[in-house]
Full PDB file with SEQRES, HELIX, SHEET, SSBOND, CRYST1, ORIGX, SCALE, CONECT and MASTER records, all heavy atoms in Angstrom:
SEQRES   1 A   39  TRP ILE PRO ALA LEU LEU THR ALA GLY PHE LEU ASP GLY          
SEQRES   2 A   39  GLY PRO THR TYR PRO THR VAL TYR ARG ARG MET HIS VAL          
SEQRES   3 A   39  TRP VAL THR GLU SER GLY ASP LEU HIS ARG ARG THR THR          
HELIX    1 AA1 ILE A    2  LEU A    6  1                                   5    
SHEET    1 AA1 2 MET A  24  VAL A  28  0                                        
SHEET    2 AA1 2 LEU A  34  THR A  38 -1                                        
CRYST1    1.000    1.000    1.000  90.00  90.00  90.00 P 1           1          
ORIGX1      1.000000  0.000000  0.000000        0.00000                         
ORIGX2      0.000000  1.000000  0.000000        0.00000                         
ORIGX3      0.000000  0.000000  1.000000        0.00000                         
SCALE1      1.000000  0.000000  0.000000        0.00000                         
SCALE2      0.000000  1.000000  0.000000        0.00000                         
SCALE3      0.000000  0.000000  1.000000        0.00000                         
ATOM      1  N   TRP A   1       1.493 -40.782 -17.750  1.00  0.00           N  
ATOM      2  CA  TRP A   1       0.186 -41.141 -17.212  1.00  0.00           C  
ATOM      3  C   TRP A   1      -0.811 -41.686 -18.223  1.00  0.00           C  
ATOM      4  O   TRP A   1      -1.742 -42.389 -17.861  1.00  0.00           O  
ATOM      5  CB  TRP A   1      -0.406 -39.996 -16.399  1.00  0.00           C  
ATOM      6  CG  TRP A   1      -0.375 -38.651 -17.041  1.00  0.00           C  
ATOM      7  CD1 TRP A   1       0.577 -37.710 -16.911  1.00  0.00           C  
ATOM      8  CD2 TRP A   1      -1.364 -38.092 -17.911  1.00  0.00           C  
ATOM      9  NE1 TRP A   1       0.268 -36.595 -17.647  1.00  0.00           N  
ATOM     10  CE2 TRP A   1      -0.942 -36.802 -18.267  1.00  0.00           C  
ATOM     11  CE3 TRP A   1      -2.575 -38.549 -18.432  1.00  0.00           C  
ATOM     12  CZ2 TRP A   1      -1.658 -35.968 -19.112  1.00  0.00           C  
ATOM     13  CZ3 TRP A   1      -3.294 -37.719 -19.276  1.00  0.00           C  
ATOM     14  CH2 TRP A   1      -2.835 -36.456 -19.597  1.00  0.00           C  
ATOM     15  N   ILE A   2      -0.680 -41.407 -19.514  1.00  0.00           N  
ATOM     16  CA  ILE A   2      -1.623 -41.962 -20.489  1.00  0.00           C  
ATOM     17  C   ILE A   2      -1.515 -43.488 -20.593  1.00  0.00           C  
ATOM     18  O   ILE A   2      -2.529 -44.175 -20.526  1.00  0.00           O  
ATOM     19  CB  ILE A   2      -1.491 -41.281 -21.867  1.00  0.00           C  
ATOM     20  CG1 ILE A   2      -2.075 -39.864 -21.774  1.00  0.00           C  
ATOM     21  CG2 ILE A   2      -2.203 -42.081 -22.961  1.00  0.00           C  
ATOM     22  CD1 ILE A   2      -2.002 -39.067 -23.039  1.00  0.00           C  
ATOM     23  N   PRO A   3      -0.320 -44.073 -20.736  1.00  0.00           N  
ATOM     24  CA  PRO A   3      -0.246 -45.540 -20.769  1.00  0.00           C  
ATOM     25  C   PRO A   3      -0.799 -46.182 -19.495  1.00  0.00           C  
ATOM     26  O   PRO A   3      -1.418 -47.236 -19.545  1.00  0.00           O  
ATOM     27  CB  PRO A   3       1.246 -45.830 -20.918  1.00  0.00           C  
ATOM     28  CG  PRO A   3       1.820 -44.600 -21.503  1.00  0.00           C  
ATOM     29  CD  PRO A   3       0.988 -43.471 -20.984  1.00  0.00           C  
ATOM     30  N   ALA A   4      -0.604 -45.522 -18.367  1.00  0.00           N  
ATOM     31  CA  ALA A   4      -1.130 -46.064 -17.110  1.00  0.00           C  
ATOM     32  C   ALA A   4      -2.653 -46.059 -17.111  1.00  0.00           C  
ATOM     33  O   ALA A   4      -3.284 -47.005 -16.640  1.00  0.00           O  
ATOM     34  CB  ALA A   4      -0.601 -45.253 -15.926  1.00  0.00           C  
ATOM     35  N   LEU A   5      -3.265 -45.005 -17.654  1.00  0.00           N  
ATOM     36  CA  LEU A   5      -4.722 -44.949 -17.728  1.00  0.00           C  
ATOM     37  C   LEU A   5      -5.283 -45.975 -18.715  1.00  0.00           C  
ATOM     38  O   LEU A   5      -6.328 -46.580 -18.475  1.00  0.00           O  
ATOM     39  CB  LEU A   5      -5.177 -43.544 -18.120  1.00  0.00           C  
ATOM     40  CG  LEU A   5      -4.974 -42.443 -17.084  1.00  0.00           C  
ATOM     41  CD1 LEU A   5      -5.328 -41.092 -17.681  1.00  0.00           C  
ATOM     42  CD2 LEU A   5      -5.815 -42.721 -15.856  1.00  0.00           C  
ATOM     43  N   LEU A   6      -4.587 -46.161 -19.808  1.00  0.00           N  
ATOM     44  CA  LEU A   6      -5.064 -47.108 -20.821  1.00  0.00           C  
ATOM     45  C   LEU A   6      -5.033 -48.557 -20.322  1.00  0.00           C  
ATOM     46  O   LEU A   6      -5.829 -49.378 -20.749  1.00  0.00           O  
ATOM     47  CB  LEU A   6      -4.230 -46.977 -22.093  1.00  0.00           C  
ATOM     48  CG  LEU A   6      -4.400 -45.660 -22.857  1.00  0.00           C  
ATOM     49  CD1 LEU A   6      -3.458 -45.615 -24.053  1.00  0.00           C  
ATOM     50  CD2 LEU A   6      -5.842 -45.478 -23.311  1.00  0.00           C  
ATOM     51  N   THR A   7      -4.128 -48.852 -19.446  1.00  0.00           N  
ATOM     52  CA  THR A   7      -4.039 -50.222 -18.921  1.00  0.00           C  
ATOM     53  C   THR A   7      -4.872 -50.376 -17.659  1.00  0.00           C  
ATOM     54  O   THR A   7      -4.768 -51.400 -16.987  1.00  0.00           O  
ATOM     55  CB  THR A   7      -2.585 -50.606 -18.624  1.00  0.00           C  
ATOM     56  OG1 THR A   7      -2.056 -49.697 -17.668  1.00  0.00           O  
ATOM     57  CG2 THR A   7      -1.750 -50.603 -19.888  1.00  0.00           C  
ATOM     58  N   ALA A   8      -5.667 -49.390 -17.326  1.00  0.00           N  
ATOM     59  CA  ALA A   8      -6.568 -49.402 -16.157  1.00  0.00           C  
ATOM     60  C   ALA A   8      -5.818 -49.512 -14.834  1.00  0.00           C  
ATOM     61  O   ALA A   8      -6.389 -49.870 -13.823  1.00  0.00           O  
ATOM     62  CB  ALA A   8      -7.602 -50.512 -16.277  1.00  0.00           C  
ATOM     63  N   GLY A   9      -4.576 -49.206 -14.827  1.00  0.00           N  
ATOM     64  CA  GLY A   9      -3.823 -49.173 -13.574  1.00  0.00           C  
ATOM     65  C   GLY A   9      -3.269 -47.777 -13.389  1.00  0.00           C  
ATOM     66  O   GLY A   9      -2.221 -47.453 -13.935  1.00  0.00           O  
ATOM     67  N   PHE A  10      -3.977 -46.947 -12.664  1.00  0.00           N  
ATOM     68  CA  PHE A  10      -3.587 -45.553 -12.511  1.00  0.00           C  
ATOM     69  C   PHE A  10      -2.181 -45.445 -11.920  1.00  0.00           C  
ATOM     70  O   PHE A  10      -1.893 -45.977 -10.863  1.00  0.00           O  
ATOM     71  CB  PHE A  10      -4.585 -44.801 -11.638  1.00  0.00           C  
ATOM     72  CG  PHE A  10      -4.317 -43.330 -11.593  1.00  0.00           C  
ATOM     73  CD1 PHE A  10      -4.514 -42.550 -12.721  1.00  0.00           C  
ATOM     74  CD2 PHE A  10      -3.855 -42.739 -10.445  1.00  0.00           C  
ATOM     75  CE1 PHE A  10      -4.263 -41.185 -12.683  1.00  0.00           C  
ATOM     76  CE2 PHE A  10      -3.600 -41.372 -10.403  1.00  0.00           C  
ATOM     77  CZ  PHE A  10      -3.806 -40.605 -11.527  1.00  0.00           C  
ATOM     78  N   LEU A  11      -1.321 -44.784 -12.649  1.00  0.00           N  
ATOM     79  CA  LEU A  11       0.080 -44.573 -12.271  1.00  0.00           C  
ATOM     80  C   LEU A  11       0.862 -45.876 -12.104  1.00  0.00           C  
ATOM     81  O   LEU A  11       1.802 -45.946 -11.342  1.00  0.00           O  
ATOM     82  CB  LEU A  11       0.190 -43.713 -11.001  1.00  0.00           C  
ATOM     83  CG  LEU A  11      -0.349 -42.291 -11.131  1.00  0.00           C  
ATOM     84  CD1 LEU A  11      -0.190 -41.549  -9.817  1.00  0.00           C  
ATOM     85  CD2 LEU A  11       0.353 -41.531 -12.237  1.00  0.00           C  
ATOM     86  N   ASP A  12       0.480 -46.920 -12.846  1.00  0.00           N  
ATOM     87  CA  ASP A  12       1.248 -48.158 -12.825  1.00  0.00           C  
ATOM     88  C   ASP A  12       2.550 -48.033 -13.600  1.00  0.00           C  
ATOM     89  O   ASP A  12       3.460 -48.820 -13.412  1.00  0.00           O  
ATOM     90  CB  ASP A  12       0.441 -49.317 -13.434  1.00  0.00           C  
ATOM     91  CG  ASP A  12      -0.400 -50.015 -12.397  1.00  0.00           C  
ATOM     92  OD1 ASP A  12      -0.242 -49.713 -11.206  1.00  0.00           O  
ATOM     93  OD2 ASP A  12      -1.223 -50.871 -12.797  1.00  0.00           O  
ATOM     94  N   GLY A  13       2.607 -47.089 -14.499  1.00  0.00           N  
ATOM     95  CA  GLY A  13       3.779 -46.951 -15.346  1.00  0.00           C  
ATOM     96  C   GLY A  13       5.047 -46.642 -14.576  1.00  0.00           C  
ATOM     97  O   GLY A  13       6.132 -46.999 -14.979  1.00  0.00           O  
ATOM     98  N   GLY A  14       4.931 -46.011 -13.445  1.00  0.00           N  
ATOM     99  CA  GLY A  14       6.102 -45.664 -12.647  1.00  0.00           C  
ATOM    100  C   GLY A  14       6.778 -44.407 -13.161  1.00  0.00           C  
ATOM    101  O   GLY A  14       6.499 -43.933 -14.261  1.00  0.00           O  
ATOM    102  N   PRO A  15       7.659 -43.872 -12.382  1.00  0.00           N  
ATOM    103  CA  PRO A  15       8.320 -42.621 -12.763  1.00  0.00           C  
ATOM    104  C   PRO A  15       9.315 -42.833 -13.906  1.00  0.00           C  
ATOM    105  O   PRO A  15       9.832 -43.935 -14.094  1.00  0.00           O  
ATOM    106  CB  PRO A  15       9.042 -42.208 -11.481  1.00  0.00           C  
ATOM    107  CG  PRO A  15       9.267 -43.485 -10.749  1.00  0.00           C  
ATOM    108  CD  PRO A  15       8.098 -44.364 -11.088  1.00  0.00           C  
ATOM    109  N   THR A  16       9.553 -41.766 -14.658  1.00  0.00           N  
ATOM    110  CA  THR A  16      10.556 -41.827 -15.721  1.00  0.00           C  
ATOM    111  C   THR A  16      11.908 -41.331 -15.245  1.00  0.00           C  
ATOM    112  O   THR A  16      12.889 -41.485 -15.948  1.00  0.00           O  
ATOM    113  CB  THR A  16      10.117 -41.004 -16.945  1.00  0.00           C  
ATOM    114  OG1 THR A  16       9.935 -39.651 -16.536  1.00  0.00           O  
ATOM    115  CG2 THR A  16       8.848 -41.553 -17.551  1.00  0.00           C  
ATOM    116  N   TYR A  17      11.965 -40.726 -14.070  1.00  0.00           N  
ATOM    117  CA  TYR A  17      13.263 -40.303 -13.541  1.00  0.00           C  
ATOM    118  C   TYR A  17      13.940 -41.509 -12.875  1.00  0.00           C  
ATOM    119  O   TYR A  17      13.286 -42.438 -12.423  1.00  0.00           O  
ATOM    120  CB  TYR A  17      13.122 -39.138 -12.557  1.00  0.00           C  
ATOM    121  CG  TYR A  17      12.216 -39.405 -11.381  1.00  0.00           C  
ATOM    122  CD1 TYR A  17      12.678 -40.057 -10.249  1.00  0.00           C  
ATOM    123  CD2 TYR A  17      10.889 -38.988 -11.395  1.00  0.00           C  
ATOM    124  CE1 TYR A  17      11.859 -40.307  -9.167  1.00  0.00           C  
ATOM    125  CE2 TYR A  17      10.056 -39.232 -10.320  1.00  0.00           C  
ATOM    126  CZ  TYR A  17      10.552 -39.890  -9.204  1.00  0.00           C  
ATOM    127  OH  TYR A  17       9.740 -40.134  -8.135  1.00  0.00           O  
ATOM    128  N   PRO A  18      15.254 -41.518 -12.829  1.00  0.00           N  
ATOM    129  CA  PRO A  18      15.953 -42.663 -12.250  1.00  0.00           C  
ATOM    130  C   PRO A  18      15.851 -42.667 -10.722  1.00  0.00           C  
ATOM    131  O   PRO A  18      15.773 -41.621 -10.094  1.00  0.00           O  
ATOM    132  CB  PRO A  18      17.404 -42.446 -12.684  1.00  0.00           C  
ATOM    133  CG  PRO A  18      17.519 -40.966 -12.848  1.00  0.00           C  
ATOM    134  CD  PRO A  18      16.171 -40.507 -13.335  1.00  0.00           C  
ATOM    135  N   THR A  19      15.853 -43.858 -10.145  1.00  0.00           N  
ATOM    136  CA  THR A  19      15.934 -43.974  -8.692  1.00  0.00           C  
ATOM    137  C   THR A  19      17.421 -43.911  -8.339  1.00  0.00           C  
ATOM    138  O   THR A  19      18.203 -44.742  -8.809  1.00  0.00           O  
ATOM    139  CB  THR A  19      15.331 -45.302  -8.211  1.00  0.00           C  
ATOM    140  OG1 THR A  19      13.978 -45.357  -8.648  1.00  0.00           O  
ATOM    141  CG2 THR A  19      15.387 -45.400  -6.701  1.00  0.00           C  
ATOM    142  N   VAL A  20      17.778 -42.922  -7.551  1.00  0.00           N  
ATOM    143  CA  VAL A  20      19.185 -42.687  -7.234  1.00  0.00           C  
ATOM    144  C   VAL A  20      19.415 -42.944  -5.750  1.00  0.00           C  
ATOM    145  O   VAL A  20      18.641 -42.486  -4.911  1.00  0.00           O  
ATOM    146  CB  VAL A  20      19.586 -41.234  -7.595  1.00  0.00           C  
ATOM    147  CG1 VAL A  20      21.040 -40.963  -7.265  1.00  0.00           C  
ATOM    148  CG2 VAL A  20      19.303 -40.958  -9.054  1.00  0.00           C  
ATOM    149  N   TYR A  21      20.470 -43.668  -5.469  1.00  0.00           N  
ATOM    150  CA  TYR A  21      20.846 -43.976  -4.086  1.00  0.00           C  
ATOM    151  C   TYR A  21      22.272 -43.495  -3.818  1.00  0.00           C  
ATOM    152  O   TYR A  21      23.109 -43.514  -4.707  1.00  0.00           O  
ATOM    153  CB  TYR A  21      20.826 -45.489  -3.820  1.00  0.00           C  
ATOM    154  CG  TYR A  21      19.473 -46.118  -3.934  1.00  0.00           C  
ATOM    155  CD1 TYR A  21      19.098 -46.812  -5.071  1.00  0.00           C  
ATOM    156  CD2 TYR A  21      18.563 -46.025  -2.892  1.00  0.00           C  
ATOM    157  CE1 TYR A  21      17.859 -47.406  -5.175  1.00  0.00           C  
ATOM    158  CE2 TYR A  21      17.319 -46.610  -2.989  1.00  0.00           C  
ATOM    159  CZ  TYR A  21      16.972 -47.295  -4.125  1.00  0.00           C  
ATOM    160  OH  TYR A  21      15.733 -47.870  -4.231  1.00  0.00           O  
ATOM    161  N   ARG A  22      22.497 -43.092  -2.593  1.00  0.00           N  
ATOM    162  CA  ARG A  22      23.858 -42.858  -2.099  1.00  0.00           C  
ATOM    163  C   ARG A  22      24.126 -43.969  -1.106  1.00  0.00           C  
ATOM    164  O   ARG A  22      23.246 -44.339  -0.328  1.00  0.00           O  
ATOM    165  CB  ARG A  22      23.977 -41.511  -1.396  1.00  0.00           C  
ATOM    166  CG  ARG A  22      23.744 -40.322  -2.290  1.00  0.00           C  
ATOM    167  CD  ARG A  22      24.921 -39.931  -3.118  1.00  0.00           C  
ATOM    168  NE  ARG A  22      25.868 -39.206  -2.288  1.00  0.00           N  
ATOM    169  CZ  ARG A  22      27.150 -39.097  -2.567  1.00  0.00           C  
ATOM    170  NH1 ARG A  22      27.648 -39.686  -3.618  1.00  0.00           N  
ATOM    171  NH2 ARG A  22      27.948 -38.425  -1.786  1.00  0.00           N  
ATOM    172  N   ARG A  23      25.304 -44.551  -1.157  1.00  0.00           N  
ATOM    173  CA  ARG A  23      25.682 -45.609  -0.211  1.00  0.00           C  
ATOM    174  C   ARG A  23      26.831 -45.110   0.642  1.00  0.00           C  
ATOM    175  O   ARG A  23      27.711 -44.402   0.161  1.00  0.00           O  
ATOM    176  CB  ARG A  23      26.119 -46.868  -0.955  1.00  0.00           C  
ATOM    177  CG  ARG A  23      24.945 -47.591  -1.572  1.00  0.00           C  
ATOM    178  CD  ARG A  23      25.326 -48.944  -2.069  1.00  0.00           C  
ATOM    179  NE  ARG A  23      25.395 -49.865  -0.925  1.00  0.00           N  
ATOM    180  CZ  ARG A  23      26.128 -50.960  -0.914  1.00  0.00           C  
ATOM    181  NH1 ARG A  23      26.863 -51.287  -1.934  1.00  0.00           N  
ATOM    182  NH2 ARG A  23      26.129 -51.749   0.140  1.00  0.00           N  
ATOM    183  N   MET A  24      26.796 -45.478   1.901  1.00  0.00           N  
ATOM    184  CA  MET A  24      27.844 -45.082   2.833  1.00  0.00           C  
ATOM    185  C   MET A  24      28.415 -46.329   3.491  1.00  0.00           C  
ATOM    186  O   MET A  24      27.677 -47.165   3.992  1.00  0.00           O  
ATOM    187  CB  MET A  24      27.292 -44.149   3.918  1.00  0.00           C  
ATOM    188  CG  MET A  24      28.348 -43.676   4.901  1.00  0.00           C  
ATOM    189  SD  MET A  24      27.668 -42.734   6.292  1.00  0.00           S  
ATOM    190  CE  MET A  24      26.910 -41.367   5.458  1.00  0.00           C  
ATOM    191  N   HIS A  25      29.728 -46.426   3.447  1.00  0.00           N  
ATOM    192  CA  HIS A  25      30.426 -47.524   4.105  1.00  0.00           C  
ATOM    193  C   HIS A  25      31.080 -46.946   5.359  1.00  0.00           C  
ATOM    194  O   HIS A  25      31.849 -45.998   5.277  1.00  0.00           O  
ATOM    195  CB  HIS A  25      31.489 -48.101   3.164  1.00  0.00           C  
ATOM    196  CG  HIS A  25      32.207 -49.275   3.726  1.00  0.00           C  
ATOM    197  ND1 HIS A  25      33.491 -49.592   3.369  1.00  0.00           N  
ATOM    198  CD2 HIS A  25      31.824 -50.225   4.614  1.00  0.00           C  
ATOM    199  CE1 HIS A  25      33.875 -50.677   4.001  1.00  0.00           C  
ATOM    200  NE2 HIS A  25      32.875 -51.074   4.774  1.00  0.00           N  
ATOM    201  N   VAL A  26      30.744 -47.497   6.503  1.00  0.00           N  
ATOM    202  CA  VAL A  26      31.317 -47.047   7.773  1.00  0.00           C  
ATOM    203  C   VAL A  26      32.067 -48.238   8.358  1.00  0.00           C  
ATOM    204  O   VAL A  26      31.529 -49.334   8.439  1.00  0.00           O  
ATOM    205  CB  VAL A  26      30.225 -46.574   8.767  1.00  0.00           C  
ATOM    206  CG1 VAL A  26      30.855 -46.059  10.047  1.00  0.00           C  
ATOM    207  CG2 VAL A  26      29.357 -45.497   8.138  1.00  0.00           C  
ATOM    208  N   TRP A  27      33.308 -48.017   8.743  1.00  0.00           N  
ATOM    209  CA  TRP A  27      34.104 -49.110   9.290  1.00  0.00           C  
ATOM    210  C   TRP A  27      34.988 -48.623  10.424  1.00  0.00           C  
ATOM    211  O   TRP A  27      35.234 -47.425  10.578  1.00  0.00           O  
ATOM    212  CB  TRP A  27      34.941 -49.764   8.189  1.00  0.00           C  
ATOM    213  CG  TRP A  27      36.066 -48.926   7.666  1.00  0.00           C  
ATOM    214  CD1 TRP A  27      37.376 -48.972   8.053  1.00  0.00           C  
ATOM    215  CD2 TRP A  27      36.007 -47.922   6.649  1.00  0.00           C  
ATOM    216  NE1 TRP A  27      38.116 -48.058   7.349  1.00  0.00           N  
ATOM    217  CE2 TRP A  27      37.302 -47.409   6.473  1.00  0.00           C  
ATOM    218  CE3 TRP A  27      34.970 -47.407   5.869  1.00  0.00           C  
ATOM    219  CZ2 TRP A  27      37.603 -46.398   5.560  1.00  0.00           C  
ATOM    220  CZ3 TRP A  27      35.267 -46.402   4.967  1.00  0.00           C  
ATOM    221  CH2 TRP A  27      36.562 -45.907   4.813  1.00  0.00           C  
ATOM    222  N   VAL A  28      35.465 -49.586  11.213  1.00  0.00           N  
ATOM    223  CA  VAL A  28      36.361 -49.302  12.336  1.00  0.00           C  
ATOM    224  C   VAL A  28      37.757 -49.751  11.929  1.00  0.00           C  
ATOM    225  O   VAL A  28      37.952 -50.880  11.475  1.00  0.00           O  
ATOM    226  CB  VAL A  28      35.912 -50.059  13.604  1.00  0.00           C  
ATOM    227  CG1 VAL A  28      36.854 -49.766  14.758  1.00  0.00           C  
ATOM    228  CG2 VAL A  28      34.492 -49.683  13.974  1.00  0.00           C  
ATOM    229  N   THR A  29      38.740 -48.845  12.086  1.00  0.00           N  
ATOM    230  CA  THR A  29      40.124 -49.195  11.766  1.00  0.00           C  
ATOM    231  C   THR A  29      40.727 -50.017  12.905  1.00  0.00           C  
ATOM    232  O   THR A  29      40.118 -50.171  13.967  1.00  0.00           O  
ATOM    233  CB  THR A  29      40.968 -47.924  11.566  1.00  0.00           C  
ATOM    234  OG1 THR A  29      40.983 -47.181  12.786  1.00  0.00           O  
ATOM    235  CG2 THR A  29      40.406 -47.064  10.442  1.00  0.00           C  
ATOM    236  N   GLU A  30      41.930 -50.523  12.676  1.00  0.00           N  
ATOM    237  CA  GLU A  30      42.597 -51.319  13.710  1.00  0.00           C  
ATOM    238  C   GLU A  30      42.901 -50.505  14.963  1.00  0.00           C  
ATOM    239  O   GLU A  30      42.975 -51.039  16.060  1.00  0.00           O  
ATOM    240  CB  GLU A  30      43.884 -51.921  13.153  1.00  0.00           C  
ATOM    241  CG  GLU A  30      43.620 -53.013  12.156  1.00  0.00           C  
ATOM    242  CD  GLU A  30      44.897 -53.681  11.689  1.00  0.00           C  
ATOM    243  OE1 GLU A  30      45.936 -53.510  12.344  1.00  0.00           O  
ATOM    244  OE2 GLU A  30      44.839 -54.377  10.671  1.00  0.00           O  
ATOM    245  N   SER A  31      43.060 -49.188  14.790  1.00  0.00           N  
ATOM    246  CA  SER A  31      43.319 -48.325  15.951  1.00  0.00           C  
ATOM    247  C   SER A  31      42.033 -47.979  16.703  1.00  0.00           C  
ATOM    248  O   SER A  31      42.086 -47.302  17.726  1.00  0.00           O  
ATOM    249  CB  SER A  31      44.025 -47.048  15.501  1.00  0.00           C  
ATOM    250  OG  SER A  31      43.202 -46.318  14.617  1.00  0.00           O  
ATOM    251  N   GLY A  32      40.876 -48.412  16.177  1.00  0.00           N  
ATOM    252  CA  GLY A  32      39.612 -48.169  16.858  1.00  0.00           C  
ATOM    253  C   GLY A  32      38.873 -46.927  16.408  1.00  0.00           C  
ATOM    254  O   GLY A  32      37.830 -46.583  16.959  1.00  0.00           O  
ATOM    255  N   ASP A  33      39.414 -46.234  15.404  1.00  0.00           N  
ATOM    256  CA  ASP A  33      38.760 -45.026  14.883  1.00  0.00           C  
ATOM    257  C   ASP A  33      37.689 -45.409  13.871  1.00  0.00           C  
ATOM    258  O   ASP A  33      37.786 -46.414  13.175  1.00  0.00           O  
ATOM    259  CB  ASP A  33      39.779 -44.112  14.210  1.00  0.00           C  
ATOM    260  CG  ASP A  33      40.817 -43.585  15.186  1.00  0.00           C  
ATOM    261  OD1 ASP A  33      40.476 -43.419  16.367  1.00  0.00           O  
ATOM    262  OD2 ASP A  33      41.964 -43.356  14.757  1.00  0.00           O  
ATOM    263  N   LEU A  34      36.674 -44.578  13.783  1.00  0.00           N  
ATOM    264  CA  LEU A  34      35.574 -44.796  12.852  1.00  0.00           C  
ATOM    265  C   LEU A  34      35.806 -43.962  11.594  1.00  0.00           C  
ATOM    266  O   LEU A  34      36.164 -42.787  11.675  1.00  0.00           O  
ATOM    267  CB  LEU A  34      34.271 -44.358  13.536  1.00  0.00           C  
ATOM    268  CG  LEU A  34      32.979 -45.041  13.170  1.00  0.00           C  
ATOM    269  CD1 LEU A  34      33.070 -46.537  13.380  1.00  0.00           C  
ATOM    270  CD2 LEU A  34      31.839 -44.474  13.970  1.00  0.00           C  
ATOM    271  N   HIS A  35      35.620 -44.569  10.422  1.00  0.00           N  
ATOM    272  CA  HIS A  35      35.757 -43.879   9.141  1.00  0.00           C  
ATOM    273  C   HIS A  35      34.514 -44.138   8.308  1.00  0.00           C  
ATOM    274  O   HIS A  35      33.852 -45.152   8.466  1.00  0.00           O  
ATOM    275  CB  HIS A  35      36.986 -44.379   8.378  1.00  0.00           C  
ATOM    276  CG  HIS A  35      38.260 -43.822   8.895  1.00  0.00           C  
ATOM    277  ND1 HIS A  35      38.889 -42.756   8.315  1.00  0.00           N  
ATOM    278  CD2 HIS A  35      39.027 -44.186   9.946  1.00  0.00           C  
ATOM    279  CE1 HIS A  35      39.994 -42.479   8.989  1.00  0.00           C  
ATOM    280  NE2 HIS A  35      40.092 -43.338   9.985  1.00  0.00           N  
ATOM    281  N   ARG A  36      34.238 -43.215   7.381  1.00  0.00           N  
ATOM    282  CA  ARG A  36      33.110 -43.413   6.470  1.00  0.00           C  
ATOM    283  C   ARG A  36      33.487 -42.922   5.080  1.00  0.00           C  
ATOM    284  O   ARG A  36      34.300 -42.020   4.904  1.00  0.00           O  
ATOM    285  CB  ARG A  36      31.857 -42.715   6.990  1.00  0.00           C  
ATOM    286  CG  ARG A  36      31.954 -41.237   7.088  1.00  0.00           C  
ATOM    287  CD  ARG A  36      30.667 -40.630   7.656  1.00  0.00           C  
ATOM    288  NE  ARG A  36      30.956 -39.288   8.089  1.00  0.00           N  
ATOM    289  CZ  ARG A  36      30.610 -38.774   9.261  1.00  0.00           C  
ATOM    290  NH1 ARG A  36      29.925 -39.491  10.112  1.00  0.00           N  
ATOM    291  NH2 ARG A  36      30.916 -37.547   9.566  1.00  0.00           N  
ATOM    292  N   ARG A  37      32.857 -43.558   4.103  1.00  0.00           N  
ATOM    293  CA  ARG A  37      33.042 -43.186   2.702  1.00  0.00           C  
ATOM    294  C   ARG A  37      31.696 -43.321   2.003  1.00  0.00           C  
ATOM    295  O   ARG A  37      31.029 -44.343   2.104  1.00  0.00           O  
ATOM    296  CB  ARG A  37      34.062 -44.089   2.033  1.00  0.00           C  
ATOM    297  CG  ARG A  37      34.208 -43.829   0.558  1.00  0.00           C  
ATOM    298  CD  ARG A  37      35.625 -44.038   0.080  1.00  0.00           C  
ATOM    299  NE  ARG A  37      35.740 -43.907  -1.358  1.00  0.00           N  
ATOM    300  CZ  ARG A  37      35.826 -42.755  -1.994  1.00  0.00           C  
ATOM    301  NH1 ARG A  37      35.787 -41.634  -1.319  1.00  0.00           N  
ATOM    302  NH2 ARG A  37      35.951 -42.707  -3.303  1.00  0.00           N  
ATOM    303  N   THR A  38      31.312 -42.265   1.266  1.00  0.00           N  
ATOM    304  CA  THR A  38      30.037 -42.233   0.566  1.00  0.00           C  
ATOM    305  C   THR A  38      30.278 -42.401  -0.930  1.00  0.00           C  
ATOM    306  O   THR A  38      31.184 -41.781  -1.490  1.00  0.00           O  
ATOM    307  CB  THR A  38      29.314 -40.902   0.832  1.00  0.00           C  
ATOM    308  OG1 THR A  38      29.272 -40.676   2.232  1.00  0.00           O  
ATOM    309  CG2 THR A  38      27.901 -40.923   0.311  1.00  0.00           C  
ATOM    310  N   THR A  39      29.448 -43.241  -1.560  1.00  0.00           N  
ATOM    311  CA  THR A  39      29.558 -43.451  -3.003  1.00  0.00           C  
ATOM    312  C   THR A  39      28.175 -43.290  -3.638  1.00  0.00           C  
ATOM    313  O   THR A  39      27.167 -43.278  -2.943  1.00  0.00           O  
ATOM    314  CB  THR A  39      30.091 -44.869  -3.320  1.00  0.00           C  
ATOM    315  OG1 THR A  39      29.231 -45.826  -2.727  1.00  0.00           O  
ATOM    316  CG2 THR A  39      31.500 -45.051  -2.804  1.00  0.00           C  
TER     317      THR A  39                                                      
MASTER        0    0    0    1    2    0    0    6  316    1    0    3          
END                                                                             
């Protein structure tokens, strides 16, 4: 927060923790069943 205050943009610096995403792939097999996989 100090660099953000010094540049006159309160909280412009952004978080220091990483932005983490989980992705899910959902697909239909040839037999018509639904499957999913999360990465």
